PDB file of N, CA and C in Angstrom:
ATOM      1  N   MET A   1      -8.874  -7.461   3.000  1.00  0.00           N
ATOM      2  CA  MET A   1     -10.175  -8.015   1.998  1.00  0.00           C
ATOM      3  C   MET A   1     -10.662  -9.029   3.545  1.00  0.00           C
ATOM      4  N   PHE A   2      -9.835  -9.536   4.222  1.00  0.00           N
ATOM      5  CA  PHE A   2     -10.074 -10.732   5.596  1.00  0.00           C
ATOM      6  C   PHE A   2     -11.062  -9.974   6.224  1.00  0.00           C
ATOM      7  N   GLU A   3     -10.566  -8.753   6.523  1.00  0.00           N
ATOM      8  CA  GLU A   3     -11.429  -8.135   7.152  1.00  0.00           C
ATOM      9  C   GLU A   3     -12.693  -7.984   7.001  1.00  0.00           C
ATOM     10  N   LEU A   4     -12.871  -7.116   5.865  1.00  0.00           N
ATOM     11  CA  LEU A   4     -13.765  -6.937   5.111  1.00  0.00           C
ATOM     12  C   LEU A   4     -15.407  -8.272   5.013  1.00  0.00           C
ATOM     13  N   LEU A   5     -15.269  -9.281   4.661  1.00  0.00           N
ATOM     14  CA  LEU A   5     -15.810 -10.251   4.563  1.00  0.00           C
ATOM     15  C   LEU A   5     -16.024 -10.958   6.068  1.00  0.00           C
ATOM     16  N   GLU A   6     -15.006 -10.546   7.092  1.00  0.00           N
ATOM     17  CA  GLU A   6     -15.184 -10.731   8.895  1.00  0.00           C
ATOM     18  C   GLU A   6     -16.615 -10.161   9.118  1.00  0.00           C
ATOM     19  N   LYS A   7     -16.285  -8.929   8.402  1.00  0.00           N
ATOM     20  CA  LYS A   7     -17.426  -7.764   8.778  1.00  0.00           C
ATOM     21  C   LYS A   7     -18.923  -7.713   8.330  1.00  0.00           C
ATOM     22  N   ILE A   8     -18.686  -8.528   6.890  1.00  0.00           N
ATOM     23  CA  ILE A   8     -19.979  -8.886   6.646  1.00  0.00           C
ATOM     24  C   ILE A   8     -20.816  -9.994   7.723  1.00  0.00           C
ATOM     25  N   LYS A   9     -19.707 -11.288   7.569  1.00  0.00           N
ATOM     26  CA  LYS A   9     -20.316 -12.160   8.033  1.00  0.00           C
ATOM     27  C   LYS A   9     -20.830 -12.218   9.668  1.00  0.00           C
ATOM     28  N   SER A  10     -20.169 -11.388  10.310  1.00  0.00           N
ATOM     29  CA  SER A  10     -20.303 -11.140  11.922  1.00  0.00           C
ATOM     30  C   SER A  10     -21.778 -10.032  12.010  1.00  0.00           C
ATOM     31  N   ALA A  11     -21.727  -9.302  11.117  1.00  0.00           N
ATOM     32  CA  ALA A  11     -22.732  -8.784  11.339  1.00  0.00           C
ATOM     33  C   ALA A  11     -24.163  -9.295  10.778  1.00  0.00           C
ATOM     34  N   ARG A  12     -24.202 -10.267   9.830  1.00  0.00           N
ATOM     35  CA  ARG A  12     -25.062 -11.526   9.335  1.00  0.00           C
ATOM     36  C   ARG A  12     -25.005 -12.223  10.856  1.00  0.00           C
ATOM     37  N   GLU A  13     -24.316 -12.683  11.221  1.00  0.00           N
ATOM     38  CA  GLU A  13     -24.566 -13.220  12.674  1.00  0.00           C
ATOM     39  C   GLU A  13     -25.537 -12.913  13.502  1.00  0.00           C
ATOM     40  N   ARG A  14     -24.692 -11.089  13.728  1.00  0.00           N
ATOM     41  CA  ARG A  14     -25.282 -10.397  15.045  1.00  0.00           C
ATOM     42  C   ARG A  14     -26.823 -10.510  15.171  1.00  0.00           C
ATOM     43  N   LYS A  15     -27.340 -10.121  13.772  1.00  0.00           N
ATOM     44  CA  LYS A  15     -28.696 -10.034  13.410  1.00  0.00           C
ATOM     45  C   LYS A  15     -29.400 -11.249  13.394  1.00  0.00           C
ATOM     46  N   GLN A  16     -29.038 -12.317  13.608  1.00  0.00           N
ATOM     47  CA  GLN A  16     -29.707 -13.887  14.009  1.00  0.00           C
ATOM     48  C   GLN A  16     -29.940 -14.005  12.303  1.00  0.00           C
ATOM     49  N   LEU A  17     -29.470 -13.396  11.248  1.00  0.00           N
ATOM     50  CA  LEU A  17     -30.017 -13.735  10.190  1.00  0.00           C
ATOM     51  C   LEU A  17     -29.016 -15.046   9.079  1.00  0.00           C
ATOM     52  N   THR A  18     -29.982 -15.661   8.757  1.00  0.00           N
ATOM     53  CA  THR A  18     -28.863 -16.890   7.498  1.00  0.00           C
ATOM     54  C   THR A  18     -28.933 -16.412   6.560  1.00  0.00           C
ATOM     55  N   GLN A  19     -27.719 -16.615   5.648  1.00  0.00           N
ATOM     56  CA  GLN A  19     -27.411 -16.448   4.652  1.00  0.00           C
ATOM     57  C   GLN A  19     -28.656 -16.238   3.771  1.00  0.00           C
ATOM     58  N   THR A  20     -29.725 -17.628   3.453  1.00  0.00           N
ATOM     59  CA  THR A  20     -30.603 -17.356   2.913  1.00  0.00           C
ATOM     60  C   THR A  20     -31.683 -16.183   3.323  1.00  0.00           C
ATOM     61  N   GLN A  21     -31.695 -15.920   3.989  1.00  0.00           N
ATOM     62  CA  GLN A  21     -32.646 -15.073   4.890  1.00  0.00           C
ATOM     63  C   GLN A  21     -32.457 -13.744   4.214  1.00  0.00           C
ATOM     64  N   VAL A  22     -30.737 -13.445   4.025  1.00  0.00           N
ATOM     65  CA  VAL A  22     -30.112 -11.982   3.373  1.00  0.00           C
ATOM     66  C   VAL A  22     -30.625 -12.198   1.879  1.00  0.00           C
ATOM     67  N   ALA A  23     -30.219 -12.719   1.507  1.00  0.00           N
ATOM     68  CA  ALA A  23     -30.147 -13.209   0.073  1.00  0.00           C
ATOM     69  C   ALA A  23     -31.380 -12.439  -0.501  1.00  0.00           C
ATOM     70  N   GLU A  24     -32.654 -13.231   0.154  1.00  0.00           N
ATOM     71  CA  GLU A  24     -33.509 -12.924   0.081  1.00  0.00           C
ATOM     72  C   GLU A  24     -34.268 -11.285   0.298  1.00  0.00           C
ATOM     73  N   LYS A  25     -33.778 -10.935   0.976  1.00  0.00           N
ATOM     74  CA  LYS A  25     -34.088  -9.706   1.252  1.00  0.00           C
ATOM     75  C   LYS A  25     -33.613  -8.755   0.737  1.00  0.00           C
ATOM     76  N   ILE A  26     -32.220  -9.108  -0.143  1.00  0.00           N
ATOM     77  CA  ILE A  26     -31.766  -7.986  -0.895  1.00  0.00           C
ATOM     78  C   ILE A  26     -32.079  -8.562  -2.568  1.00  0.00           C
ATOM     79  N   GLY A  27     -32.678  -9.626  -2.741  1.00  0.00           N
ATOM     80  CA  GLY A  27     -33.026  -9.467  -4.190  1.00  0.00           C
ATOM     81  C   GLY A  27     -32.051 -10.553  -5.053  1.00  0.00           C
ATOM     82  N   ILE A  28     -31.101 -11.598  -4.023  1.00  0.00           N
ATOM     83  CA  ILE A  28     -30.076 -12.822  -4.922  1.00  0.00           C
ATOM     84  C   ILE A  28     -30.140 -13.541  -4.518  1.00  0.00           C
ATOM     85  N   GLY A  29     -29.947 -14.674  -5.582  1.00  0.00           N
ATOM     86  CA  GLY A  29     -29.911 -16.012  -4.614  1.00  0.00           C
ATOM     87  C   GLY A  29     -28.988 -17.021  -3.833  1.00  0.00           C
ATOM     88  N   LEU A  30     -29.071 -17.749  -2.893  1.00  0.00           N
ATOM     89  CA  LEU A  30     -28.472 -18.100  -1.689  1.00  0.00           C
ATOM     90  C   LEU A  30     -26.904 -18.195  -2.238  1.00  0.00           C
ATOM     91  N   ARG A  31     -26.777 -18.866  -3.210  1.00  0.00           N
ATOM     92  CA  ARG A  31     -25.193 -18.782  -4.011  1.00  0.00           C
ATOM     93  C   ARG A  31     -24.516 -17.307  -3.884  1.00  0.00           C
ATOM     94  N   GLN A  32     -25.410 -16.173  -4.570  1.00  0.00           N
ATOM     95  CA  GLN A  32     -24.616 -15.309  -4.780  1.00  0.00           C
ATOM     96  C   GLN A  32     -24.434 -14.763  -3.904  1.00  0.00           C
ATOM     97  N   TYR A  33     -25.356 -14.896  -2.889  1.00  0.00           N
ATOM     98  CA  TYR A  33     -25.121 -14.052  -1.330  1.00  0.00           C
ATOM     99  C   TYR A  33     -23.600 -15.067  -0.665  1.00  0.00           C
ATOM    100  N   GLN A  34     -23.767 -16.573  -0.760  1.00  0.00           N
ATOM    101  CA  GLN A  34     -22.885 -17.224  -0.758  1.00  0.00           C
ATOM    102  C   GLN A  34     -21.435 -16.157  -0.545  1.00  0.00           C
ATOM    103  N   ASN A  35     -20.826 -16.418  -2.616  1.00  0.00           N
ATOM    104  CA  ASN A  35     -19.937 -15.677  -3.117  1.00  0.00           C
ATOM    105  C   ASN A  35     -19.410 -14.342  -2.798  1.00  0.00           C
ATOM    106  N   ILE A  36     -20.429 -13.278  -2.259  1.00  0.00           N
ATOM    107  CA  ILE A  36     -19.920 -12.250  -1.353  1.00  0.00           C
ATOM    108  C   ILE A  36     -19.790 -12.434  -0.080  1.00  0.00           C
ATOM    109  N   GLU A  37     -19.774 -13.247   0.553  1.00  0.00           N
ATOM    110  CA  GLU A  37     -19.415 -13.451   2.025  1.00  0.00           C
ATOM    111  C   GLU A  37     -18.064 -14.306   1.556  1.00  0.00           C
ATOM    112  N   ALA A  38     -17.924 -14.911   0.685  1.00  0.00           N
ATOM    113  CA  ALA A  38     -16.194 -15.499   0.290  1.00  0.00           C
ATOM    114  C   ALA A  38     -15.397 -14.482  -0.423  1.00  0.00           C
ATOM    115  N   GLY A  39     -16.011 -13.124  -0.533  1.00  0.00           N
ATOM    116  CA  GLY A  39     -15.119 -11.685  -1.406  1.00  0.00           C
ATOM    117  C   GLY A  39     -15.322 -11.720  -2.841  1.00  0.00           C
ATOM    118  N   HIS A  40     -16.350 -12.123  -3.224  1.00  0.00           N
ATOM    119  CA  HIS A  40     -16.288 -12.257  -4.691  1.00  0.00           C
ATOM    120  C   HIS A  40     -17.805 -11.451  -5.260  1.00  0.00           C
ATOM    121  N   PHE A  41     -17.201  -9.969  -5.082  1.00  0.00           N
ATOM    122  CA  PHE A  41     -18.258  -8.272  -5.570  1.00  0.00           C
ATOM    123  C   PHE A  41     -18.345  -8.424  -7.150  1.00  0.00           C
ATOM    124  N   PRO A  42     -17.523  -8.394  -7.867  1.00  0.00           N
ATOM    125  CA  PRO A  42     -17.799  -7.554  -9.673  1.00  0.00           C
ATOM    126  C   PRO A  42     -19.408  -7.885 -10.087  1.00  0.00           C
ATOM    127  N   LYS A  43     -19.902  -9.319  -9.906  1.00  0.00           N
ATOM    128  CA  LYS A  43     -21.082  -9.019 -10.090  1.00  0.00           C
ATOM    129  C   LYS A  43     -22.357  -8.442  -9.665  1.00  0.00           C
ATOM    130  N   TYR A  44     -22.349  -7.866  -8.518  1.00  0.00           N
ATOM    131  CA  TYR A  44     -23.228  -7.255  -8.037  1.00  0.00           C
ATOM    132  C   TYR A  44     -23.481  -5.939  -8.018  1.00  0.00           C
ATOM    133  N   LYS A  45     -24.726  -5.001  -8.440  1.00  0.00           N
ATOM    134  CA  LYS A  45     -24.529  -4.032  -8.497  1.00  0.00           C
ATOM    135  C   LYS A  45     -24.537  -3.192  -7.397  1.00  0.00           C
ATOM    136  N   THR A  46     -24.029  -1.913  -7.265  1.00  0.00           N
ATOM    137  CA  THR A  46     -24.941  -1.634  -6.435  1.00  0.00           C
ATOM    138  C   THR A  46     -26.239  -1.341  -5.348  1.00  0.00           C
ATOM    139  N   LYS A  47     -26.679  -1.312  -6.162  1.00  0.00           N
ATOM    140  CA  LYS A  47     -28.419  -1.467  -5.107  1.00  0.00           C
ATOM    141  C   LYS A  47     -28.141  -2.740  -4.137  1.00  0.00           C
ATOM    142  N   GLN A  48     -27.501  -3.665  -4.343  1.00  0.00           N
ATOM    143  CA  GLN A  48     -27.409  -4.698  -3.811  1.00  0.00           C
ATOM    144  C   GLN A  48     -26.605  -4.664  -3.109  1.00  0.00           C
ATOM    145  N   ILE A  49     -25.804  -4.232  -2.971  1.00  0.00           N
ATOM    146  CA  ILE A  49     -24.514  -3.462  -1.694  1.00  0.00           C
ATOM    147  C   ILE A  49     -25.319  -2.601  -1.039  1.00  0.00           C
ATOM    148  N   ARG A  50     -25.661  -1.928  -1.317  1.00  0.00           N
ATOM    149  CA  ARG A  50     -26.085  -0.557  -0.619  1.00  0.00           C
ATOM    150  C   ARG A  50     -27.198  -1.456   0.540  1.00  0.00           C
ATOM    151  N   GLU A  51     -28.399  -2.306  -0.003  1.00  0.00           N
ATOM    152  CA  GLU A  51     -28.889  -2.889   0.382  1.00  0.00           C
ATOM    153  C   GLU A  51     -28.927  -3.773   1.362  1.00  0.00           C
ATOM    154  N   LEU A  52     -27.554  -4.282   1.257  1.00  0.00           N
ATOM    155  CA  LEU A  52     -27.035  -5.498   2.087  1.00  0.00           C
ATOM    156  C   LEU A  52     -26.562  -4.152   3.682  1.00  0.00           C
ATOM    157  N   GLU A  53     -25.905  -3.290   2.978  1.00  0.00           N
ATOM    158  CA  GLU A  53     -25.315  -2.362   4.091  1.00  0.00           C
ATOM    159  C   GLU A  53     -26.642  -2.023   5.072  1.00  0.00           C
ATOM    160  N   LYS A  54     -27.872  -1.595   4.612  1.00  0.00           N
ATOM    161  CA  LYS A  54     -28.827  -1.500   5.429  1.00  0.00           C
ATOM    162  C   LYS A  54     -29.425  -2.719   5.969  1.00  0.00           C
ATOM    163  N   ILE A  55     -29.264  -3.579   5.706  1.00  0.00           N
ATOM    164  CA  ILE A  55     -30.267  -4.965   6.479  1.00  0.00           C
ATOM    165  C   ILE A  55     -29.032  -5.097   7.775  1.00  0.00           C
ATOM    166  N   LEU A  56     -27.996  -5.010   7.431  1.00  0.00           N
ATOM    167  CA  LEU A  56     -26.764  -5.625   8.568  1.00  0.00           C
ATOM    168  C   LEU A  56     -26.450  -4.128   9.204  1.00  0.00           C
ATOM    169  N   GLU A  57     -26.933  -2.824   8.829  1.00  0.00           N
ATOM    170  CA  GLU A  57     -26.662  -2.067   9.406  1.00  0.00           C
ATOM    171  C   GLU A  57     -24.749  -1.855   9.472  1.00  0.00           C
ATOM    172  N   ILE A  58     -24.310  -2.061   8.467  1.00  0.00           N
ATOM    173  CA  ILE A  58     -22.930  -2.033   7.861  1.00  0.00           C
ATOM    174  C   ILE A  58     -22.245  -0.935   6.761  1.00  0.00           C
ATOM    175  N   GLY A  59     -21.295  -0.352   7.379  1.00  0.00           N
ATOM    176  CA  GLY A  59     -20.690   0.359   5.611  1.00  0.00           C
ATOM    177  C   GLY A  59     -19.692  -0.342   4.962  1.00  0.00           C
ATOM    178  N   ILE A  60     -20.123  -1.059   3.893  1.00  0.00           N
ATOM    179  CA  ILE A  60     -19.264  -1.961   2.944  1.00  0.00           C
ATOM    180  C   ILE A  60     -19.272  -1.612   1.884  1.00  0.00           C
ATOM    181  N   TYR A  61     -19.611  -1.047   1.101  1.00  0.00           N
ATOM    182  CA  TYR A  61     -19.250  -0.264  -0.573  1.00  0.00           C
ATOM    183  C   TYR A  61     -18.145   0.383  -0.799  1.00  0.00           C
ATOM    184  N   ASN A  62     -17.771   1.385  -0.271  1.00  0.00           N
ATOM    185  CA  ASN A  62     -16.622   2.321  -0.389  1.00  0.00           C
ATOM    186  C   ASN A  62     -15.144   1.101  -0.236  1.00  0.00           C
ATOM    187  N   GLU A  63     -15.522  -0.163   0.782  1.00  0.00           N
ATOM    188  CA  GLU A  63     -14.261  -0.635   1.076  1.00  0.00           C
ATOM    189  C   GLU A  63     -14.491  -2.123  -0.210  1.00  0.00           C
ATOM    190  N   ILE A  64     -15.486  -2.349  -0.474  1.00  0.00           N
ATOM    191  CA  ILE A  64     -15.648  -3.166  -1.774  1.00  0.00           C
ATOM    192  C   ILE A  64     -15.543  -2.403  -3.706  1.00  0.00           C
ATOM    193  N   TYR A  65     -15.449  -1.676  -3.542  1.00  0.00           N
ATOM    194  CA  TYR A  65     -15.820  -0.388  -4.936  1.00  0.00           C
ATOM    195  C   TYR A  65     -15.060   0.583  -4.836  1.00  0.00           C
ATOM    196  N   LYS A  66     -14.835   1.115  -4.136  1.00  0.00           N
ATOM    197  CA  LYS A  66     -13.560   2.320  -4.257  1.00  0.00           C
ATOM    198  C   LYS A  66     -12.486   2.093  -4.689  1.00  0.00           C
ATOM    199  N   GLU A  67     -11.811   0.924  -4.405  1.00  0.00           N
ATOM    200  CA  GLU A  67     -10.494   0.345  -4.774  1.00  0.00           C
ATOM    201  C   GLU A  67     -10.424  -0.436  -6.078  1.00  0.00           C
ATOM    202  N   SER A  68     -11.897  -1.316  -5.821  1.00  0.00           N
ATOM    203  CA  SER A  68     -11.809  -2.000  -7.362  1.00  0.00           C
ATOM    204  C   SER A  68     -12.354  -1.351  -8.766  1.00  0.00           C
ATOM    205  N   ILE A  69     -13.063   0.339  -8.546  1.00  0.00           N
ATOM    206  CA  ILE A  69     -13.161   0.621  -9.530  1.00  0.00           C
ATOM    207  C   ILE A  69     -12.555   1.824 -10.051  1.00  0.00           C
ATOM    208  N   VAL A  70     -11.986   2.571  -9.000  1.00  0.00           N
ATOM    209  CA  VAL A  70     -11.851   3.929  -8.947  1.00  0.00           C
ATOM    210  C   VAL A  70     -10.124   3.444  -9.040  1.00  0.00           C
ATOM    211  N   ASN A  71      -9.340   3.121  -8.273  1.00  0.00           N
ATOM    212  CA  ASN A  71      -8.076   3.230  -8.333  1.00  0.00           C
ATOM    213  C   ASN A  71      -7.529   1.911  -9.325  1.00  0.00           C
ATOM    214  N   GLU A  72      -8.113   0.940  -8.991  1.00  0.00           N
ATOM    215  CA  GLU A  72      -8.070  -0.338 -10.102  1.00  0.00           C
ATOM    216  C   GLU A  72      -8.985  -0.514 -10.695  1.00  0.00           C
ATOM    217  N   PRO A  73      -8.932  -0.034 -12.147  1.00  0.00           N
ATOM    218  CA  PRO A  73     -10.766  -0.186 -13.096  1.00  0.00           C
ATOM    219  C   PRO A  73     -10.846  -1.848 -13.133  1.00  0.00           C
ATOM    220  N   SER A  74     -12.060  -2.400 -13.091  1.00  0.00           N
ATOM    221  CA  SER A  74     -12.538  -3.764 -13.158  1.00  0.00           C
ATOM    222  C   SER A  74     -12.966  -3.773 -14.411  1.00  0.00           C
ATOM    223  N   ALA A  75     -12.429  -4.811 -14.880  1.00  0.00           N
ATOM    224  CA  ALA A  75     -12.546  -5.535 -16.207  1.00  0.00           C
ATOM    225  C   ALA A  75     -13.738  -5.337 -16.858  1.00  0.00           C
ATOM    226  N   GLU A  76     -14.696  -4.248 -15.968  1.00  0.00           N
ATOM    227  CA  GLU A  76     -15.820  -3.462 -17.052  1.00  0.00           C
ATOM    228  C   GLU A  76     -15.019  -2.307 -17.365  1.00  0.00           C
ATOM    229  N   TYR A  77     -14.084  -1.781 -16.894  1.00  0.00           N
ATOM    230  CA  TYR A  77     -13.744  -0.357 -17.494  1.00  0.00           C
ATOM    231  C   TYR A  77     -12.393  -0.274 -17.444  1.00  0.00           C
ATOM    232  N   LYS A  78     -11.910  -0.339 -18.995  1.00  0.00           N
ATOM    233  CA  LYS A  78     -10.283  -0.588 -19.324  1.00  0.00           C
ATOM    234  C   LYS A  78     -10.335   0.747 -20.370  1.00  0.00           C
ATOM    235  N   VAL A  79      -8.913   1.197 -19.818  1.00  0.00           N
ATOM    236  CA  VAL A  79      -8.517   2.496 -21.196  1.00  0.00           C
ATOM    237  C   VAL A  79      -8.523   2.122 -22.114  1.00  0.00           C
ATOM    238  N   THR A  80      -9.218   2.168 -23.056  1.00  0.00           N
ATOM    239  CA  THR A  80      -8.776   1.515 -24.571  1.00  0.00           C
ATOM    240  C   THR A  80      -9.418   1.996 -25.480  1.00  0.00           C
ATOM    241  N   GLY A  81      -9.809   3.849 -25.317  1.00  0.00           N
ATOM    242  CA  GLY A  81     -10.106   4.363 -26.744  1.00  0.00           C
ATOM    243  C   GLY A  81      -9.664   5.684 -26.863  1.00  0.00           C
ATOM    244  N   SER A  82     -10.457   6.741 -27.253  1.00  0.00           N
ATOM    245  CA  SER A  82     -10.250   7.744 -27.186  1.00  0.00           C
ATOM    246  C   SER A  82     -10.665   8.529 -25.829  1.00  0.00           C
ATOM    247  N   LEU A  83     -10.524   9.847 -25.334  1.00  0.00           N
ATOM    248  CA  LEU A  83     -10.519  10.321 -24.396  1.00  0.00           C
ATOM    249  C   LEU A  83     -12.389  11.081 -24.203  1.00  0.00           C
ATOM    250  N   ALA A  84     -13.025  10.537 -25.219  1.00  0.00           N
ATOM    251  CA  ALA A  84     -14.407  10.746 -25.497  1.00  0.00           C
ATOM    252  C   ALA A  84     -14.816   9.437 -24.881  1.00  0.00           C
ATOM    253  N   ASP A  85     -14.517   8.449 -25.872  1.00  0.00           N
ATOM    254  CA  ASP A  85     -14.889   6.974 -25.358  1.00  0.00           C
ATOM    255  C   ASP A  85     -14.571   6.745 -23.896  1.00  0.00           C
ATOM    256  N   GLU A  86     -14.064   7.067 -23.397  1.00  0.00           N
ATOM    257  CA  GLU A  86     -13.138   6.744 -21.363  1.00  0.00           C
ATOM    258  C   GLU A  86     -14.505   7.458 -21.521  1.00  0.00           C
ATOM    259  N   LEU A  87     -14.523   8.978 -21.092  1.00  0.00           N
ATOM    260  CA  LEU A  87     -15.830   9.284 -20.725  1.00  0.00           C
ATOM    261  C   LEU A  87     -17.212   8.793 -20.399  1.00  0.00           C
ATOM    262  N   GLU A  88     -17.405   8.542 -22.234  1.00  0.00           N
ATOM    263  CA  GLU A  88     -18.488   7.724 -22.159  1.00  0.00           C
ATOM    264  C   GLU A  88     -19.040   6.426 -21.309  1.00  0.00           C
ATOM    265  N   LYS A  89     -17.801   6.021 -21.561  1.00  0.00           N
ATOM    266  CA  LYS A  89     -17.855   5.031 -20.515  1.00  0.00           C
ATOM    267  C   LYS A  89     -17.765   4.646 -18.806  1.00  0.00           C
ATOM    268  N   LEU A  90     -17.323   5.789 -18.608  1.00  0.00           N
ATOM    269  CA  LEU A  90     -17.622   6.502 -17.499  1.00  0.00           C
ATOM    270  C   LEU A  90     -18.891   6.405 -17.004  1.00  0.00           C
ATOM    271  N   ALA A  91     -19.052   7.331 -17.529  1.00  0.00           N
ATOM    272  CA  ALA A  91     -21.381   7.781 -17.668  1.00  0.00           C
ATOM    273  C   ALA A  91     -21.580   6.902 -17.455  1.00  0.00           C
ATOM    274  N   LEU A  92     -21.718   5.667 -18.286  1.00  0.00           N
ATOM    275  CA  LEU A  92     -22.148   4.590 -18.674  1.00  0.00           C
ATOM    276  C   LEU A  92     -22.578   3.908 -17.401  1.00  0.00           C
ATOM    277  N   LEU A  93     -21.596   3.533 -17.108  1.00  0.00           N
ATOM    278  CA  LEU A  93     -20.795   2.905 -15.157  1.00  0.00           C
ATOM    279  C   LEU A  93     -21.868   3.794 -14.029  1.00  0.00           C
ATOM    280  N   ASN A  94     -21.829   4.954 -14.585  1.00  0.00           N
ATOM    281  CA  ASN A  94     -22.198   5.567 -13.189  1.00  0.00           C
ATOM    282  C   ASN A  94     -24.333   5.537 -13.462  1.00  0.00           C
ATOM    283  N   GLU A  95     -24.609   5.761 -14.654  1.00  0.00           N
ATOM    284  CA  GLU A  95     -25.691   5.638 -15.037  1.00  0.00           C
ATOM    285  C   GLU A  95     -25.752   3.859 -14.266  1.00  0.00           C
ATOM    286  N   LYS A  96     -25.733   3.174 -14.574  1.00  0.00           N
ATOM    287  CA  LYS A  96     -25.931   1.541 -14.456  1.00  0.00           C
ATOM    288  C   LYS A  96     -25.830   1.355 -13.162  1.00  0.00           C
ATOM    289  N   GLY A  97     -25.291   2.605 -11.956  1.00  0.00           N
ATOM    290  CA  GLY A  97     -25.348   2.208 -10.757  1.00  0.00           C
ATOM    291  C   GLY A  97     -23.871   1.757 -10.166  1.00  0.00           C
ATOM    292  N   ARG A  98     -22.904   1.188 -11.341  1.00  0.00           N
ATOM    293  CA  ARG A  98     -21.785   0.686 -10.424  1.00  0.00           C
ATOM    294  C   ARG A  98     -20.812   1.667 -10.543  1.00  0.00           C
ATOM    295  N   LEU A  99     -21.150   2.682 -10.627  1.00  0.00           N
ATOM    296  CA  LEU A  99     -20.274   3.921  -9.744  1.00  0.00           C
ATOM    297  C   LEU A  99     -20.895   4.755  -9.286  1.00  0.00           C
ATOM    298  N   THR A 100     -20.913   5.141  -8.282  1.00  0.00           N
ATOM    299  CA  THR A 100     -21.587   6.939  -7.122  1.00  0.00           C
ATOM    300  C   THR A 100     -20.908   7.948  -8.158  1.00  0.00           C
ATOM    301  N   ASP A 101     -21.746   9.138  -7.822  1.00  0.00           N
ATOM    302  CA  ASP A 101     -21.408   9.845  -8.441  1.00  0.00           C
ATOM    303  C   ASP A 101     -19.845  10.682  -8.115  1.00  0.00           C
ATOM    304  N   GLU A 102     -19.478  10.033  -6.880  1.00  0.00           N
ATOM    305  CA  GLU A 102     -18.463  10.462  -5.886  1.00  0.00           C
ATOM    306  C   GLU A 102     -17.021  10.366  -6.852  1.00  0.00           C
ATOM    307  N   GLU A 103     -17.355   8.742  -7.052  1.00  0.00           N
ATOM    308  CA  GLU A 103     -16.593   7.324  -7.694  1.00  0.00           C
ATOM    309  C   GLU A 103     -16.578   7.812  -8.806  1.00  0.00           C
ATOM    310  N   PHE A 104     -17.555   8.405  -9.771  1.00  0.00           N
ATOM    311  CA  PHE A 104     -17.655   8.885 -11.541  1.00  0.00           C
ATOM    312  C   PHE A 104     -16.517   9.926 -11.443  1.00  0.00           C
ATOM    313  N   ARG A 105     -16.857  10.823 -10.835  1.00  0.00           N
ATOM    314  CA  ARG A 105     -15.643  12.712 -10.687  1.00  0.00           C
ATOM    315  C   ARG A 105     -14.472  12.317  -9.842  1.00  0.00           C
ATOM    316  N   LEU A 106     -14.095  11.040  -9.562  1.00  0.00           N
ATOM    317  CA  LEU A 106     -12.796  10.906  -9.078  1.00  0.00           C
ATOM    318  C   LEU A 106     -12.256  10.074 -10.481  1.00  0.00           C
ATOM    319  N   ALA A 107     -12.548   9.069 -11.072  1.00  0.00           N
ATOM    320  CA  ALA A 107     -12.144   9.015 -12.072  1.00  0.00           C
ATOM    321  C   ALA A 107     -12.464   9.522 -13.361  1.00  0.00           C
ATOM    322  N   LYS A 108     -13.265  10.668 -13.881  1.00  0.00           N
ATOM    323  CA  LYS A 108     -12.952  11.386 -14.438  1.00  0.00           C
ATOM    324  C   LYS A 108     -11.802  12.136 -14.550  1.00  0.00           C
ATOM    325  N   GLU A 109     -11.867  12.843 -13.081  1.00  0.00           N
ATOM    326  CA  GLU A 109     -10.055  13.311 -12.734  1.00  0.00           C
ATOM    327  C   GLU A 109      -9.507  12.258 -13.050  1.00  0.00           C
ATOM    328  N   LYS A 110      -9.279  11.619 -13.082  1.00  0.00           N
ATOM    329  CA  LYS A 110      -8.139  10.884 -13.678  1.00  0.00           C
ATOM    330  C   LYS A 110      -7.504  10.459 -14.833  1.00  0.00           C
ATOM    331  N   ILE A 111      -8.795  10.564 -15.391  1.00  0.00           N
ATOM    332  CA  ILE A 111      -8.666  10.585 -17.155  1.00  0.00           C
ATOM    333  C   ILE A 111      -7.979  11.730 -17.280  1.00  0.00           C
ATOM    334  N   LEU A 112      -9.013  12.746 -16.855  1.00  0.00           N
ATOM    335  CA  LEU A 112      -8.782  13.836 -17.051  1.00  0.00           C
ATOM    336  C   LEU A 112      -7.170  15.002 -16.977  1.00  0.00           C
ATOM    337  N   LYS A 113      -6.270  14.095 -16.063  1.00  0.00           N
ATOM    338  CA  LYS A 113      -5.297  14.175 -16.155  1.00  0.00           C
ATOM    339  C   LYS A 113      -4.304  14.206 -17.333  1.00  0.00           C
TER     340      LYS A 113
END
């Protein structure tokens, strides 16, 4: 995780951008951006993380979300019901942009096994 946080901060500094500038560019407040650099990602939508990747010209999405959502489901996704209920939850996360199509496919395969 430390490497990821350093990657984000280093890329921002290399671009000579302040935290405030990056926050404005991705459409969140300064505190929210500071939370990203501190390693707190779960509240942020795919769109904002993807925008951060574009601005800083780095790949971070998979490092942030692949492990937390697909391999260890976040608090937003827990297995609690029938197979149909679980698939419906996954579909909703995908529609909200919380899961990419690939992550949705992988998580669905896990449930169906």
